[in-house]
C-alpha atoms as a PDB file:
ATOM      1  CA  UNK A   1       8.718 -18.456 -15.575  1.00  0.00           C
ATOM      2  CA  UNK A   2       8.427 -17.328 -11.980  1.00  0.00           C
ATOM      3  CA  UNK A   3      10.507 -14.416 -10.851  1.00  0.00           C
ATOM      4  CA  UNK A   4      12.487 -14.399  -7.641  1.00  0.00           C
ATOM      5  CA  UNK A   5      11.720 -11.891  -4.937  1.00  0.00           C
ATOM      6  CA  UNK A   6      15.186 -10.841  -3.872  1.00  0.00           C
ATOM      7  CA  UNK A   7      15.297  -7.132  -3.150  1.00  0.00           C
ATOM      8  CA  UNK A   8      17.208  -5.119  -5.725  1.00  0.00           C
ATOM      9  CA  UNK A   9      20.587  -3.778  -4.676  1.00  0.00           C
ATOM     10  CA  UNK A  10      20.646  -0.174  -3.503  1.00  0.00           C
ATOM     11  CA  UNK A  11      22.156   2.617  -5.536  1.00  0.00           C
ATOM     12  CA  UNK A  12      25.924   2.976  -5.293  1.00  0.00           C
ATOM     13  CA  UNK A  13      27.479   5.310  -2.738  1.00  0.00           C
ATOM     14  CA  UNK A  14      28.786   7.512  -5.559  1.00  0.00           C
ATOM     15  CA  UNK A  15      25.282   7.882  -7.018  1.00  0.00           C
ATOM     16  CA  UNK A  16      23.799   8.811  -3.646  1.00  0.00           C
ATOM     17  CA  UNK A  17      26.630  11.257  -2.978  1.00  0.00           C
ATOM     18  CA  UNK A  18      25.424  13.239  -5.993  1.00  0.00           C
ATOM     19  CA  UNK A  19      22.007  13.753  -4.402  1.00  0.00           C
ATOM     20  CA  UNK A  20      21.126  16.753  -2.190  1.00  0.00           C
ATOM     21  CA  UNK A  21      21.615  16.374   1.552  1.00  0.00           C
ATOM     22  CA  UNK A  22      18.669  15.796   3.906  1.00  0.00           C
ATOM     23  CA  UNK A  23      19.220  19.301   5.299  1.00  0.00           C
ATOM     24  CA  UNK A  24      18.890  20.749   1.802  1.00  0.00           C
ATOM     25  CA  UNK A  25      15.679  18.782   1.234  1.00  0.00           C
ATOM     26  CA  UNK A  26      14.165  20.111   4.464  1.00  0.00           C
ATOM     27  CA  UNK A  27      14.892  23.743   3.568  1.00  0.00           C
ATOM     28  CA  UNK A  28      14.249  23.764  -0.181  1.00  0.00           C
ATOM     29  CA  UNK A  29      11.610  22.670  -2.658  1.00  0.00           C
ATOM     30  CA  UNK A  30       7.850  22.576  -2.274  1.00  0.00           C
ATOM     31  CA  UNK A  31       5.568  20.101  -0.548  1.00  0.00           C
ATOM     32  CA  UNK A  32       3.352  17.879  -2.689  1.00  0.00           C
ATOM     33  CA  UNK A  33      -0.122  16.809  -1.625  1.00  0.00           C
ATOM     34  CA  UNK A  34       0.079  18.016   1.977  1.00  0.00           C
ATOM     35  CA  UNK A  35      -0.248  21.338   3.751  1.00  0.00           C
ATOM     36  CA  UNK A  36       2.941  21.430   5.866  1.00  0.00           C
ATOM     37  CA  UNK A  37       1.477  23.844   8.416  1.00  0.00           C
ATOM     38  CA  UNK A  38      -1.513  21.565   8.982  1.00  0.00           C
ATOM     39  CA  UNK A  39       0.740  18.512   9.150  1.00  0.00           C
ATOM     40  CA  UNK A  40       3.032  19.944  11.798  1.00  0.00           C
ATOM     41  CA  UNK A  41       0.050  21.183  13.772  1.00  0.00           C
ATOM     42  CA  UNK A  42      -1.193  17.594  14.015  1.00  0.00           C
ATOM     43  CA  UNK A  43       2.283  16.239  14.750  1.00  0.00           C
ATOM     44  CA  UNK A  44       5.031  15.461  12.217  1.00  0.00           C
ATOM     45  CA  UNK A  45       5.634  11.910  13.477  1.00  0.00           C
ATOM     46  CA  UNK A  46       2.353  10.825  11.957  1.00  0.00           C
ATOM     47  CA  UNK A  47       3.230  11.979   8.463  1.00  0.00           C
ATOM     48  CA  UNK A  48       5.462  11.219   5.530  1.00  0.00           C
ATOM     49  CA  UNK A  49       6.381  14.346   3.623  1.00  0.00           C
ATOM     50  CA  UNK A  50       6.943  14.510  -0.141  1.00  0.00           C
ATOM     51  CA  UNK A  51       8.749  17.408  -1.782  1.00  0.00           C
ATOM     52  CA  UNK A  52       9.265  18.443  -5.378  1.00  0.00           C
ATOM     53  CA  UNK A  53      12.900  19.424  -5.699  1.00  0.00           C
ATOM     54  CA  UNK A  54      15.243  20.565  -8.467  1.00  0.00           C
ATOM     55  CA  UNK A  55      18.884  19.566  -8.148  1.00  0.00           C
ATOM     56  CA  UNK A  56      21.623  19.946 -10.764  1.00  0.00           C
ATOM     57  CA  UNK A  57      19.085  20.389 -13.520  1.00  0.00           C
ATOM     58  CA  UNK A  58      17.039  17.323 -12.538  1.00  0.00           C
ATOM     59  CA  UNK A  59      13.569  17.537 -11.006  1.00  0.00           C
ATOM     60  CA  UNK A  60      12.809  14.807  -8.470  1.00  0.00           C
ATOM     61  CA  UNK A  61      10.489  13.884  -5.621  1.00  0.00           C
ATOM     62  CA  UNK A  62      11.849  13.205  -2.141  1.00  0.00           C
ATOM     63  CA  UNK A  63       9.802  11.315   0.426  1.00  0.00           C
ATOM     64  CA  UNK A  64      10.913  11.536   4.042  1.00  0.00           C
ATOM     65  CA  UNK A  65       9.692  11.379   7.614  1.00  0.00           C
ATOM     66  CA  UNK A  66      10.120   9.487  10.902  1.00  0.00           C
ATOM     67  CA  UNK A  67       7.819   6.699   9.735  1.00  0.00           C
ATOM     68  CA  UNK A  68       9.260   6.203   6.242  1.00  0.00           C
ATOM     69  CA  UNK A  69      11.021   2.794   6.137  1.00  0.00           C
ATOM     70  CA  UNK A  70      14.146   2.249   4.086  1.00  0.00           C
ATOM     71  CA  UNK A  71      12.558  -0.978   2.854  1.00  0.00           C
ATOM     72  CA  UNK A  72      10.039   1.092   0.856  1.00  0.00           C
ATOM     73  CA  UNK A  73      12.799   2.005  -1.599  1.00  0.00           C
ATOM     74  CA  UNK A  74      13.882  -1.650  -1.832  1.00  0.00           C
ATOM     75  CA  UNK A  75      10.317  -2.749  -2.605  1.00  0.00           C
ATOM     76  CA  UNK A  76       9.922  -0.067  -5.279  1.00  0.00           C
ATOM     77  CA  UNK A  77      13.113  -1.234  -6.983  1.00  0.00           C
ATOM     78  CA  UNK A  78      12.008  -4.862  -6.830  1.00  0.00           C
ATOM     79  CA  UNK A  79       8.557  -4.116  -8.274  1.00  0.00           C
ATOM     80  CA  UNK A  80       9.977  -1.901 -10.998  1.00  0.00           C
ATOM     81  CA  UNK A  81      12.517  -4.535 -12.061  1.00  0.00           C
ATOM     82  CA  UNK A  82      10.313  -7.631 -11.875  1.00  0.00           C
ATOM     83  CA  UNK A  83       6.873  -6.432 -13.022  1.00  0.00           C
ATOM     84  CA  UNK A  84       5.235  -3.984 -15.385  1.00  0.00           C
ATOM     85  CA  UNK A  85       3.628  -2.088 -12.494  1.00  0.00           C
ATOM     86  CA  UNK A  86       4.265   1.650 -13.018  1.00  0.00           C
ATOM     87  CA  UNK A  87       6.519   2.690 -10.130  1.00  0.00           C
ATOM     88  CA  UNK A  88       8.830   5.727  -9.872  1.00  0.00           C
ATOM     89  CA  UNK A  89      12.529   5.032 -10.319  1.00  0.00           C
ATOM     90  CA  UNK A  90      14.462   5.284  -7.049  1.00  0.00           C
ATOM     91  CA  UNK A  91      17.627   7.390  -7.348  1.00  0.00           C
ATOM     92  CA  UNK A  92      18.934   6.752  -3.856  1.00  0.00           C
ATOM     93  CA  UNK A  93      18.313   6.746  -0.116  1.00  0.00           C
ATOM     94  CA  UNK A  94      19.853   8.828   2.663  1.00  0.00           C
ATOM     95  CA  UNK A  95      19.414   8.847   6.431  1.00  0.00           C
ATOM     96  CA  UNK A  96      19.918  11.987   8.520  1.00  0.00           C
ATOM     97  CA  UNK A  97      21.463  12.327  11.967  1.00  0.00           C
ATOM     98  CA  UNK A  98      18.117  11.576  13.626  1.00  0.00           C
ATOM     99  CA  UNK A  99      17.589   8.362  11.672  1.00  0.00           C
ATOM    100  CA  UNK A 100      14.973   9.847   9.346  1.00  0.00           C
ATOM    101  CA  UNK A 101      14.929   8.142   5.923  1.00  0.00           C
ATOM    102  CA  UNK A 102      14.887  10.190   2.686  1.00  0.00           C
ATOM    103  CA  UNK A 103      13.909   8.392  -0.545  1.00  0.00           C
ATOM    104  CA  UNK A 104      14.963  10.265  -3.699  1.00  0.00           C
ATOM    105  CA  UNK A 105      12.829   9.208  -6.642  1.00  0.00           C
ATOM    106  CA  UNK A 106      11.555  10.054 -10.086  1.00  0.00           C
ATOM    107  CA  UNK A 107       8.885  12.752 -10.187  1.00  0.00           C
ATOM    108  CA  UNK A 108       6.023  11.442 -12.328  1.00  0.00           C
ATOM    109  CA  UNK A 109       3.626  14.053 -13.598  1.00  0.00           C
ATOM    110  CA  UNK A 110      -0.074  13.337 -13.535  1.00  0.00           C
ATOM    111  CA  UNK A 111      -3.313  13.927 -11.693  1.00  0.00           C
ATOM    112  CA  UNK A 112      -4.627  11.895  -8.825  1.00  0.00           C
ATOM    113  CA  UNK A 113      -7.187   9.192  -9.534  1.00  0.00           C
ATOM    114  CA  UNK A 114     -10.123  11.111  -8.041  1.00  0.00           C
ATOM    115  CA  UNK A 115      -9.468  14.146 -10.234  1.00  0.00           C
ATOM    116  CA  UNK A 116      -9.225  11.986 -13.337  1.00  0.00           C
ATOM    117  CA  UNK A 117     -12.331  10.020 -12.350  1.00  0.00           C
ATOM    118  CA  UNK A 118     -14.428  13.183 -12.326  1.00  0.00           C
ATOM    119  CA  UNK A 119     -13.641  14.018 -15.973  1.00  0.00           C
ATOM    120  CA  UNK A 120     -13.582  10.554 -17.585  1.00  0.00           C
ATOM    121  CA  UNK A 121     -16.396   9.070 -19.657  1.00  0.00           C
ATOM    122  CA  UNK A 122     -17.999   5.744 -18.581  1.00  0.00           C
ATOM    123  CA  UNK A 123     -15.881   3.863 -21.130  1.00  0.00           C
ATOM    124  CA  UNK A 124     -12.679   5.553 -19.965  1.00  0.00           C
ATOM    125  CA  UNK A 125     -13.559   4.783 -16.356  1.00  0.00           C
ATOM    126  CA  UNK A 126     -13.901   1.085 -17.186  1.00  0.00           C
ATOM    127  CA  UNK A 127     -10.534   1.127 -18.954  1.00  0.00           C
ATOM    128  CA  UNK A 128      -8.871   2.829 -15.994  1.00  0.00           C
ATOM    129  CA  UNK A 129     -10.322   0.338 -13.497  1.00  0.00           C
ATOM    130  CA  UNK A 130      -9.210  -2.560 -15.691  1.00  0.00           C
ATOM    131  CA  UNK A 131      -5.670  -1.175 -15.550  1.00  0.00           C
ATOM    132  CA  UNK A 132      -5.831  -0.971 -11.746  1.00  0.00           C
ATOM    133  CA  UNK A 133      -6.948  -4.615 -11.566  1.00  0.00           C
ATOM    134  CA  UNK A 134      -4.154  -5.613 -13.981  1.00  0.00           C
ATOM    135  CA  UNK A 135      -1.599  -3.820 -11.793  1.00  0.00           C
ATOM    136  CA  UNK A 136      -2.707  -5.719  -8.695  1.00  0.00           C
ATOM    137  CA  UNK A 137      -2.578  -9.019 -10.579  1.00  0.00           C
ATOM    138  CA  UNK A 138       0.916  -8.228 -11.822  1.00  0.00           C
ATOM    139  CA  UNK A 139       2.200  -8.216  -8.246  1.00  0.00           C
ATOM    140  CA  UNK A 140       1.379 -11.923  -8.031  1.00  0.00           C
ATOM    141  CA  UNK A 141       4.158 -12.670 -10.530  1.00  0.00           C
ATOM    142  CA  UNK A 142       6.764 -11.935  -7.843  1.00  0.00           C
ATOM    143  CA  UNK A 143       7.595 -15.193  -6.097  1.00  0.00           C
ATOM    144  CA  UNK A 144       8.131 -14.660  -2.349  1.00  0.00           C
ATOM    145  CA  UNK A 145      11.455 -15.828  -0.918  1.00  0.00           C
ATOM    146  CA  UNK A 146      11.613 -19.205   0.768  1.00  0.00           C
ATOM    147  CA  UNK A 147      10.612 -19.083   4.421  1.00  0.00           C
ATOM    148  CA  UNK A 148       9.241 -15.530   4.142  1.00  0.00           C
ATOM    149  CA  UNK A 149       7.550 -14.169   7.255  1.00  0.00           C
ATOM    150  CA  UNK A 150       3.996 -12.948   6.790  1.00  0.00           C
ATOM    151  CA  UNK A 151       3.374  -9.247   7.229  1.00  0.00           C
ATOM    152  CA  UNK A 152       5.292  -6.109   6.365  1.00  0.00           C
ATOM    153  CA  UNK A 153       8.321  -6.418   4.102  1.00  0.00           C
ATOM    154  CA  UNK A 154      10.008  -3.888   6.402  1.00  0.00           C
ATOM    155  CA  UNK A 155      12.498  -5.976   8.471  1.00  0.00           C
ATOM    156  CA  UNK A 156      12.535  -3.313  11.203  1.00  0.00           C
ATOM    157  CA  UNK A 157       8.877  -3.971  12.105  1.00  0.00           C
ATOM    158  CA  UNK A 158       8.487  -5.857  15.382  1.00  0.00           C
ATOM    159  CA  UNK A 159       4.785  -6.508  14.633  1.00  0.00           C
ATOM    160  CA  UNK A 160       4.765  -7.289  10.912  1.00  0.00           C
ATOM    161  CA  UNK A 161       1.250  -8.753  10.806  1.00  0.00           C
ATOM    162  CA  UNK A 162      -0.633  -6.194  12.871  1.00  0.00           C
ATOM    163  CA  UNK A 163       1.266  -3.297  11.318  1.00  0.00           C
ATOM    164  CA  UNK A 164       0.313  -4.555   7.865  1.00  0.00           C
ATOM    165  CA  UNK A 165      -3.359  -4.676   8.919  1.00  0.00           C
ATOM    166  CA  UNK A 166      -3.354  -1.260  10.661  1.00  0.00           C
ATOM    167  CA  UNK A 167      -4.567  -2.813  13.911  1.00  0.00           C
ATOM    168  CA  UNK A 168      -4.486  -0.885  17.194  1.00  0.00           C
ATOM    169  CA  UNK A 169      -0.937  -0.327  18.413  1.00  0.00           C
ATOM    170  CA  UNK A 170      -1.529  -2.003  21.799  1.00  0.00           C
ATOM    171  CA  UNK A 171      -2.431  -5.356  20.237  1.00  0.00           C
ATOM    172  CA  UNK A 172       0.354  -7.851  19.610  1.00  0.00           C
ATOM    173  CA  UNK A 173       1.091 -10.258  16.766  1.00  0.00           C
ATOM    174  CA  UNK A 174      -0.223 -13.819  17.083  1.00  0.00           C
ATOM    175  CA  UNK A 175       2.100 -16.314  18.770  1.00  0.00           C
ATOM    176  CA  UNK A 176       3.257 -18.463  17.127  1.00  0.00           C
ATOM    177  CA  UNK A 177       2.959 -16.392  13.955  1.00  0.00           C
ATOM    178  CA  UNK A 178       1.021 -17.968  11.059  1.00  0.00           C
ATOM    179  CA  UNK A 179       3.293 -19.245   8.306  1.00  0.00           C
ATOM    180  CA  UNK A 180       0.724 -20.094   5.610  1.00  0.00           C
ATOM    181  CA  UNK A 181      -2.318 -18.417   4.096  1.00  0.00           C
ATOM    182  CA  UNK A 182      -4.524 -21.097   5.678  1.00  0.00           C
ATOM    183  CA  UNK A 183      -3.173 -20.379   9.184  1.00  0.00           C
ATOM    184  CA  UNK A 184      -3.478 -16.638   8.606  1.00  0.00           C
ATOM    185  CA  UNK A 185      -7.132 -16.788   7.507  1.00  0.00           C
ATOM    186  CA  UNK A 186      -7.959 -19.240  10.297  1.00  0.00           C
ATOM    187  CA  UNK A 187      -6.445 -16.844  12.852  1.00  0.00           C
ATOM    188  CA  UNK A 188      -8.453 -13.920  11.430  1.00  0.00           C
ATOM    189  CA  UNK A 189     -11.628 -16.003  11.589  1.00  0.00           C
ATOM    190  CA  UNK A 190     -10.948 -17.017  15.196  1.00  0.00           C
ATOM    191  CA  UNK A 191     -10.222 -13.439  16.214  1.00  0.00           C
ATOM    192  CA  UNK A 192     -13.385 -12.158  14.520  1.00  0.00           C
ATOM    193  CA  UNK A 193     -15.489 -14.685  16.439  1.00  0.00           C
ATOM    194  CA  UNK A 194     -13.719 -13.904  19.722  1.00  0.00           C
ATOM    195  CA  UNK A 195     -14.369 -10.176  19.385  1.00  0.00           C
ATOM    196  CA  UNK A 196     -18.050 -10.882  18.773  1.00  0.00           C
ATOM    197  CA  UNK A 197     -18.121 -13.222  21.815  1.00  0.00           C
ATOM    198  CA  UNK A 198     -19.270 -16.188  19.707  1.00  0.00           C
ATOM    199  CA  UNK A 199     -17.673 -19.597  19.199  1.00  0.00           C
ATOM    200  CA  UNK A 200     -16.000 -19.743  15.753  1.00  0.00           C
ATOM    201  CA  UNK A 201     -18.601 -22.176  14.357  1.00  0.00           C
ATOM    202  CA  UNK A 202     -21.399 -19.780  15.303  1.00  0.00           C
ATOM    203  CA  UNK A 203     -19.874 -16.793  13.500  1.00  0.00           C
ATOM    204  CA  UNK A 204     -21.996 -16.033  10.414  1.00  0.00           C
ATOM    205  CA  UNK A 205     -19.148 -14.438   8.492  1.00  0.00           C
ATOM    206  CA  UNK A 206     -19.280 -16.726   5.450  1.00  0.00           C
ATOM    207  CA  UNK A 207     -16.532 -14.818   3.611  1.00  0.00           C
ATOM    208  CA  UNK A 208     -14.109 -15.294   6.475  1.00  0.00           C
ATOM    209  CA  UNK A 209     -15.016 -18.962   6.866  1.00  0.00           C
ATOM    210  CA  UNK A 210     -14.438 -19.583   3.169  1.00  0.00           C
ATOM    211  CA  UNK A 211     -11.039 -17.894   3.351  1.00  0.00           C
ATOM    212  CA  UNK A 212     -10.099 -19.904   6.423  1.00  0.00           C
ATOM    213  CA  UNK A 213     -10.757 -23.098   4.445  1.00  0.00           C
ATOM    214  CA  UNK A 214      -8.648 -21.982   1.487  1.00  0.00           C
ATOM    215  CA  UNK A 215      -4.908 -21.876   1.037  1.00  0.00           C
ATOM    216  CA  UNK A 216      -4.372 -18.876  -1.212  1.00  0.00           C
ATOM    217  CA  UNK A 217      -0.871 -18.100  -2.477  1.00  0.00           C
ATOM    218  CA  UNK A 218       1.331 -15.669  -0.578  1.00  0.00           C
ATOM    219  CA  UNK A 219       2.214 -12.632  -2.648  1.00  0.00           C
ATOM    220  CA  UNK A 220       3.381  -9.057  -2.424  1.00  0.00           C
ATOM    221  CA  UNK A 221       0.450  -6.868  -1.338  1.00  0.00           C
ATOM    222  CA  UNK A 222       0.655  -3.086  -1.721  1.00  0.00           C
ATOM    223  CA  UNK A 223      -1.828  -2.611   1.114  1.00  0.00           C
ATOM    224  CA  UNK A 224      -3.126   0.825   0.176  1.00  0.00           C
ATOM    225  CA  UNK A 225      -4.476   0.790  -3.384  1.00  0.00           C
ATOM    226  CA  UNK A 226      -6.505   3.970  -2.999  1.00  0.00           C
ATOM    227  CA  UNK A 227      -7.247   6.969  -5.200  1.00  0.00           C
ATOM    228  CA  UNK A 228      -4.722   9.145  -3.363  1.00  0.00           C
ATOM    229  CA  UNK A 229      -1.909   6.723  -4.267  1.00  0.00           C
ATOM    230  CA  UNK A 230      -2.740   6.391  -7.964  1.00  0.00           C
ATOM    231  CA  UNK A 231      -1.512   8.945 -10.492  1.00  0.00           C
ATOM    232  CA  UNK A 232      -3.259   9.062 -13.859  1.00  0.00           C
ATOM    233  CA  UNK A 233      -1.730  10.406 -17.046  1.00  0.00           C
ATOM    234  CA  UNK A 234      -3.523  13.510 -18.207  1.00  0.00           C
ATOM    235  CA  UNK A 235      -5.554  12.844 -21.317  1.00  0.00           C
ATOM    236  CA  UNK A 236      -5.347   9.053 -20.827  1.00  0.00           C
ATOM    237  CA  UNK A 237      -7.298   6.388 -18.992  1.00  0.00           C
ATOM    238  CA  UNK A 238      -4.220   4.643 -17.622  1.00  0.00           C
ATOM    239  CA  UNK A 239      -2.353   4.675 -14.333  1.00  0.00           C
ATOM    240  CA  UNK A 240       0.938   6.563 -14.525  1.00  0.00           C
ATOM    241  CA  UNK A 241       2.215   5.435 -11.112  1.00  0.00           C
ATOM    242  CA  UNK A 242       1.240   3.508  -7.998  1.00  0.00           C
ATOM    243  CA  UNK A 243       2.795   5.371  -5.065  1.00  0.00           C
ATOM    244  CA  UNK A 244       3.450   4.892  -1.329  1.00  0.00           C
ATOM    245  CA  UNK A 245       4.830   1.383  -0.797  1.00  0.00           C
ATOM    246  CA  UNK A 246       5.494   1.662   2.951  1.00  0.00           C
ATOM    247  CA  UNK A 247       2.669  -0.809   3.693  1.00  0.00           C
ATOM    248  CA  UNK A 248       3.955  -3.451   1.245  1.00  0.00           C
ATOM    249  CA  UNK A 249       3.583  -6.900   2.812  1.00  0.00           C
ATOM    250  CA  UNK A 250       3.850 -10.606   2.114  1.00  0.00           C
ATOM    251  CA  UNK A 251       0.285 -11.761   2.696  1.00  0.00           C
ATOM    252  CA  UNK A 252      -2.376 -14.027   1.157  1.00  0.00           C
ATOM    253  CA  UNK A 253      -3.404 -12.783  -2.279  1.00  0.00           C
ATOM    254  CA  UNK A 254      -6.916 -11.861  -1.103  1.00  0.00           C
ATOM    255  CA  UNK A 255      -5.536  -9.330   1.389  1.00  0.00           C
ATOM    256  CA  UNK A 256      -5.198  -6.695  -1.348  1.00  0.00           C
ATOM    257  CA  UNK A 257      -8.955  -6.929  -1.820  1.00  0.00           C
ATOM    258  CA  UNK A 258      -9.524  -6.901   1.931  1.00  0.00           C
ATOM    259  CA  UNK A 259      -7.423  -3.785   2.590  1.00  0.00           C
ATOM    260  CA  UNK A 260      -9.095  -1.945  -0.298  1.00  0.00           C
ATOM    261  CA  UNK A 261     -12.548  -2.753   1.080  1.00  0.00           C
ATOM    262  CA  UNK A 262     -11.298  -1.868   4.563  1.00  0.00           C
ATOM    263  CA  UNK A 263     -10.257   1.607   3.440  1.00  0.00           C
ATOM    264  CA  UNK A 264     -13.343   2.355   1.321  1.00  0.00           C
ATOM    265  CA  UNK A 265     -15.563   1.136   4.167  1.00  0.00           C
ATOM    266  CA  UNK A 266     -14.634   4.239   6.154  1.00  0.00           C
ATOM    267  CA  UNK A 267     -16.324   6.544   3.652  1.00  0.00           C
ATOM    268  CA  UNK A 268     -19.453   8.098   5.085  1.00  0.00           C
ATOM    269  CA  UNK A 269     -22.781   7.520   3.338  1.00  0.00           C
ATOM    270  CA  UNK A 270     -22.828  10.991   1.791  1.00  0.00           C
ATOM    271  CA  UNK A 271     -19.359  10.456   0.267  1.00  0.00           C
ATOM    272  CA  UNK A 272     -20.173   7.157  -1.424  1.00  0.00           C
ATOM    273  CA  UNK A 273     -22.054   6.730  -4.680  1.00  0.00           C
ATOM    274  CA  UNK A 274     -19.735   8.031  -7.357  1.00  0.00           C
ATOM    275  CA  UNK A 275     -16.656   8.138  -5.142  1.00  0.00           C
ATOM    276  CA  UNK A 276     -13.439   6.970  -6.827  1.00  0.00           C
ATOM    277  CA  UNK A 277     -12.320   4.771  -3.905  1.00  0.00           C
ATOM    278  CA  UNK A 278     -15.646   2.945  -3.939  1.00  0.00           C
ATOM    279  CA  UNK A 279     -15.177   2.255  -7.655  1.00  0.00           C
ATOM    280  CA  UNK A 280     -11.672   0.879  -7.056  1.00  0.00           C
ATOM    281  CA  UNK A 281     -12.938  -1.311  -4.235  1.00  0.00           C
ATOM    282  CA  UNK A 282     -15.771  -2.726  -6.326  1.00  0.00           C
ATOM    283  CA  UNK A 283     -13.419  -3.406  -9.248  1.00  0.00           C
ATOM    284  CA  UNK A 284     -11.050  -5.415  -7.048  1.00  0.00           C
ATOM    285  CA  UNK A 285     -13.925  -7.159  -5.229  1.00  0.00           C
ATOM    286  CA  UNK A 286     -15.686  -8.273  -8.415  1.00  0.00           C
ATOM    287  CA  UNK A 287     -18.608  -5.861  -8.239  1.00  0.00           C
ATOM    288  CA  UNK A 288     -20.860  -4.063  -5.783  1.00  0.00           C
ATOM    289  CA  UNK A 289     -22.140  -7.202  -4.045  1.00  0.00           C
ATOM    290  CA  UNK A 290     -18.619  -8.544  -3.646  1.00  0.00           C
ATOM    291  CA  UNK A 291     -17.502  -5.250  -2.123  1.00  0.00           C
ATOM    292  CA  UNK A 292     -20.371  -5.390   0.383  1.00  0.00           C
ATOM    293  CA  UNK A 293     -19.251  -8.854   1.543  1.00  0.00           C
ATOM    294  CA  UNK A 294     -15.673  -7.707   2.031  1.00  0.00           C
ATOM    295  CA  UNK A 295     -16.762  -4.574   3.889  1.00  0.00           C
ATOM    296  CA  UNK A 296     -18.912  -6.731   6.136  1.00  0.00           C
ATOM    297  CA  UNK A 297     -15.851  -8.805   6.950  1.00  0.00           C
ATOM    298  CA  UNK A 298     -13.953  -5.623   7.734  1.00  0.00           C
ATOM    299  CA  UNK A 299     -16.750  -4.510  10.076  1.00  0.00           C
ATOM    300  CA  UNK A 300     -16.827  -7.827  11.927  1.00  0.00           C
ATOM    301  CA  UNK A 301     -13.043  -7.940  12.295  1.00  0.00           C
ATOM    302  CA  UNK A 302     -12.994  -4.891  14.541  1.00  0.00           C
ATOM    303  CA  UNK A 303      -9.790  -3.190  15.633  1.00  0.00           C
ATOM    304  CA  UNK A 304     -10.128  -3.027  19.434  1.00  0.00           C
END
């Protein structure tokens, strides 16, 4: 039975009233996974902050920042309710006087994927990668709503397609926007050829051409399945949580593979080899050769 993709209702006002205020979050707790001094030195608008906070006897994580969309909490609730993907429970959402969104959520203990990868045996590594692949496949069980627009789930995005692909901010979405996976892949193929100054038929990107001829299903794509966003239970070879859903999008199913190859393709030669992100990419791409093809597509589809 297919499952509908309606976003889960937000927490009640009374529940959210019991949560600490945004001002309290800013002045209490400890940052997780980010040096706040370094972050502010680079510019806070480019970051989402996560804090570990204790409030009324309950320990929680609070994610906030100028670029944190409220829709991230809605997506997390939807995924948690409609799939078996491990996602933190969302306790509530608040918005401060400057419009900054604060997502109050369950704090899941664990170690990041890269740390776990370094200590696991070959057999445990295979089991962990199989769980990652199973998680991605589970997202396909969510049926997109009728007439869904392609791109970011975030309704506030004015460029849902380009924002979901992390394309340069001065480039605009295609007009008219593609409405099917076939149109989307065809547009990507055309753009790849245009950037290389070749007619589309002369472009030797066989992976892109094959995708442009297919009509893959539209599904929810996390868009950033990377080691930094995967928590692993200590002492186990299983994912405890998939984090950071701000890039969640309705896109062709193969885009999860594409974005994973896109991200791992930025690793320098001396950081590859046994790197955890490379392993994730190869698992989702069907092996080392498959990952090379996807990375080649990423290289040809340049962000200019």
